[in-house]
N, C-alpha and C. Protein backbone atom coordinates (compact mmCIF):
# COMPACT_ATOMS: atom_id res chain seq x y z
N UNK A 1 0.88 -1.27 0.02
CA UNK A 1 0.01 0.11 -0.02
C UNK A 1 1.00 1.28 0.00
N UNK A 2 0.42 2.27 -0.81
CA UNK A 2 1.21 3.49 -0.82
C UNK A 2 0.17 4.56 -0.37
N UNK A 3 0.67 5.53 0.65
CA UNK A 3 -0.23 6.66 0.98
C UNK A 3 0.15 7.90 0.34
N UNK A 4 -0.85 8.36 -0.39
CA UNK A 4 -0.29 9.79 -1.10
C UNK A 4 -1.38 10.70 -0.64
N UNK A 5 -0.91 11.81 0.02
CA UNK A 5 -1.84 12.97 0.49
C UNK A 5 -3.07 12.49 1.27
N UNK A 6 -2.83 11.46 2.26
CA UNK A 6 -3.83 10.89 3.00
C UNK A 6 -4.74 9.94 2.29
N UNK A 7 -4.64 9.53 1.05
CA UNK A 7 -5.47 8.58 0.36
C UNK A 7 -4.72 7.34 0.13
N UNK A 8 -5.24 6.27 0.33
CA UNK A 8 -4.66 4.97 0.05
C UNK A 8 -4.78 4.65 -1.35
N UNK A 9 -3.62 3.99 -1.97
CA UNK A 9 -3.53 3.81 -3.24
C UNK A 9 -2.76 2.38 -3.26
N UNK A 10 -3.20 1.58 -4.23
CA UNK A 10 -2.39 0.34 -4.50
C UNK A 10 -1.23 0.38 -5.64
N UNK A 11 -0.29 1.23 -5.14
CA UNK A 11 0.81 1.42 -6.09
C UNK A 11 0.67 2.34 -7.09
N UNK A 12 -0.48 3.12 -7.08
CA UNK A 12 -0.82 4.14 -8.02
C UNK A 12 -1.03 5.38 -7.40
N UNK A 13 -0.29 6.54 -8.01
CA UNK A 13 -0.52 7.80 -7.33
C UNK A 13 -1.86 8.36 -7.63
N UNK A 14 -2.49 8.80 -6.60
CA UNK A 14 -3.78 9.46 -6.78
C UNK A 14 -3.70 11.02 -7.14
N UNK A 15 -4.53 11.43 -7.94
CA UNK A 15 -4.36 12.80 -8.40
C UNK A 15 -4.88 13.68 -7.27
N UNK A 16 -4.17 14.84 -7.08
CA UNK A 16 -4.51 15.83 -6.10
C UNK A 16 -5.89 16.18 -6.10
N UNK A 17 -6.64 16.44 -4.94
CA UNK A 17 -7.95 16.73 -4.78
C UNK A 17 -7.97 18.32 -4.38
N UNK A 18 -8.65 18.95 -5.16
CA UNK A 18 -8.94 20.42 -4.84
C UNK A 18 -10.10 20.58 -4.14
N UNK A 19 -10.12 21.28 -2.97
CA UNK A 19 -11.47 21.40 -2.21
C UNK A 19 -11.84 22.95 -2.40
N UNK A 20 -12.95 23.13 -2.96
CA UNK A 20 -13.74 24.43 -3.16
C UNK A 20 -14.58 24.75 -2.11
N UNK A 21 -14.39 25.90 -1.51
CA UNK A 21 -15.32 26.34 -0.40
C UNK A 21 -15.93 27.63 -0.85
N UNK A 22 -16.99 27.92 -0.27
CA UNK A 22 -17.82 29.20 -0.42
C UNK A 22 -17.30 30.42 0.42
N UNK A 23 -16.94 30.00 1.76
CA UNK A 23 -16.53 31.02 2.54
C UNK A 23 -15.00 31.25 2.37
N UNK A 24 -14.54 32.49 2.57
CA UNK A 24 -13.11 32.77 2.31
C UNK A 24 -12.22 32.29 3.50
N UNK A 25 -11.04 31.96 3.10
CA UNK A 25 -10.07 31.44 4.03
C UNK A 25 -9.70 32.62 5.04
N UNK A 26 -9.38 32.24 6.36
CA UNK A 26 -9.08 33.24 7.24
C UNK A 26 -7.51 33.80 6.99
N UNK A 27 -6.92 33.01 6.08
CA UNK A 27 -5.54 33.44 5.60
C UNK A 27 -5.62 34.39 4.50
N UNK A 28 -6.62 34.51 3.73
CA UNK A 28 -6.82 35.48 2.55
C UNK A 28 -7.17 36.91 2.83
N UNK A 29 -7.36 37.18 4.10
CA UNK A 29 -7.71 38.58 4.38
C UNK A 29 -6.83 39.53 4.02
N UNK A 30 -6.93 40.71 3.56
CA UNK A 30 -5.98 41.62 3.16
C UNK A 30 -5.12 42.00 4.33
N UNK A 31 -3.87 42.24 4.32
CA UNK A 31 -3.01 42.59 5.27
C UNK A 31 -2.58 44.23 5.13
N UNK A 32 -2.91 44.87 6.33
CA UNK A 32 -2.86 46.31 6.33
C UNK A 32 -1.35 46.59 6.82
N UNK A 33 -0.59 47.34 5.80
CA UNK A 33 0.54 47.65 6.08
C UNK A 33 0.81 48.87 6.79
N UNK A 34 1.38 49.00 7.83
CA UNK A 34 1.46 50.26 8.52
C UNK A 34 2.93 50.82 8.36
N UNK A 35 2.87 52.17 8.31
CA UNK A 35 4.20 52.65 8.15
C UNK A 35 5.08 52.57 9.33
N UNK A 36 6.44 52.84 9.02
CA UNK A 36 7.35 52.74 10.15
C UNK A 36 7.03 53.80 11.26
N UNK A 37 7.55 53.61 12.48
CA UNK A 37 7.27 54.57 13.57
C UNK A 37 8.09 55.89 13.41
N UNK A 38 9.01 55.90 12.47
CA UNK A 38 9.84 57.03 12.20
C UNK A 38 10.29 57.16 10.72
N UNK A 39 10.73 58.18 10.38
CA UNK A 39 11.29 58.50 8.92
C UNK A 39 10.21 58.39 7.85
N UNK A 40 8.90 58.09 8.28
CA UNK A 40 7.74 58.05 7.28
C UNK A 40 7.64 56.97 6.34
N UNK A 41 8.72 56.66 5.75
CA UNK A 41 8.72 55.47 4.65
C UNK A 41 9.78 54.30 5.05
N UNK A 42 9.44 53.10 4.62
CA UNK A 42 10.32 51.97 4.91
C UNK A 42 11.50 52.04 4.08
N UNK A 43 11.64 52.83 3.08
CA UNK A 43 12.75 52.98 2.14
C UNK A 43 13.78 53.76 3.03
N UNK A 44 13.34 54.89 3.54
CA UNK A 44 14.18 55.65 4.31
C UNK A 44 14.76 54.86 5.56
N UNK A 45 14.13 54.03 6.09
CA UNK A 45 14.40 53.19 7.39
C UNK A 45 15.53 52.37 6.88
N UNK A 46 15.37 51.67 5.66
CA UNK A 46 16.44 50.82 5.12
C UNK A 46 17.75 51.58 4.89
N UNK A 47 17.55 52.80 4.30
CA UNK A 47 18.71 53.62 3.73
C UNK A 47 19.50 53.81 5.19
N UNK A 48 18.84 54.22 6.14
CA UNK A 48 19.36 54.63 7.48
C UNK A 48 20.29 53.38 8.08
N UNK A 49 19.62 52.28 7.85
CA UNK A 49 20.36 50.96 8.42
C UNK A 49 21.56 50.75 7.59
N UNK A 50 21.54 50.97 6.25
CA UNK A 50 22.68 50.71 5.46
C UNK A 50 23.79 51.59 5.72
N UNK A 51 23.45 52.87 5.91
CA UNK A 51 24.41 53.91 6.19
C UNK A 51 25.06 53.78 7.62
N UNK A 52 24.22 53.37 8.57
CA UNK A 52 24.70 52.90 9.94
C UNK A 52 25.71 51.77 9.88
N UNK A 53 25.22 50.60 9.04
CA UNK A 53 26.18 49.60 9.00
C UNK A 53 27.54 49.89 8.28
N UNK A 54 27.46 50.81 7.23
CA UNK A 54 28.70 51.19 6.63
C UNK A 54 29.56 51.83 7.46
N UNK A 55 28.87 52.90 8.44
CA UNK A 55 29.67 53.60 9.33
C UNK A 55 30.38 52.80 10.43
N UNK A 56 29.50 51.74 10.74
CA UNK A 56 30.18 50.66 11.80
C UNK A 56 31.45 49.96 11.16
N UNK A 57 31.22 49.47 10.00
CA UNK A 57 32.36 48.81 9.24
C UNK A 57 33.57 49.67 8.96
N UNK A 58 33.21 51.00 8.58
CA UNK A 58 34.36 51.93 8.31
C UNK A 58 35.06 52.10 9.73
N UNK A 59 34.36 52.36 10.83
CA UNK A 59 34.92 52.65 12.12
C UNK A 59 35.72 51.31 12.67
N UNK A 60 35.33 50.13 12.36
CA UNK A 60 36.07 49.14 12.69
C UNK A 60 37.28 48.95 11.92
N UNK A 61 37.13 49.29 10.70
CA UNK A 61 38.36 49.37 9.76
C UNK A 61 39.39 50.37 10.22
N UNK A 62 39.01 51.53 10.63
CA UNK A 62 39.86 52.49 11.29
C UNK A 62 40.58 52.02 12.52
N UNK A 63 39.81 51.32 13.44
CA UNK A 63 40.17 50.93 14.59
C UNK A 63 41.24 49.82 14.35
N UNK A 64 41.14 49.09 13.49
CA UNK A 64 41.95 47.90 13.14
C UNK A 64 43.22 48.53 12.50
N UNK A 65 43.09 49.47 11.82
CA UNK A 65 44.44 50.01 11.14
C UNK A 65 45.16 50.92 12.38
N UNK A 66 44.40 51.45 13.20
CA UNK A 66 45.22 52.09 14.20
C UNK A 66 45.96 51.21 15.34
N UNK A 67 45.41 50.02 15.45
CA UNK A 67 46.15 49.27 16.56
C UNK A 67 46.78 47.88 15.80
N UNK A 68 46.92 47.99 14.37
CA UNK A 68 47.63 46.83 13.86
C UNK A 68 49.14 46.87 14.02
């Protein structure tokens, strides 16, 4: 016996069964995207994070050069 997607088959794969429902799924509700708590747009937040990361990397580079 072979079990495929919960169905018993005798060595043969059963086709996938699609269940059609009238009511919408709770996972299909629209997601409301809220803005970030500061800087007004997510793009600005990401740019700030990249600038901060570059500053930390550059600072560590200078620190390493000073004490090498």
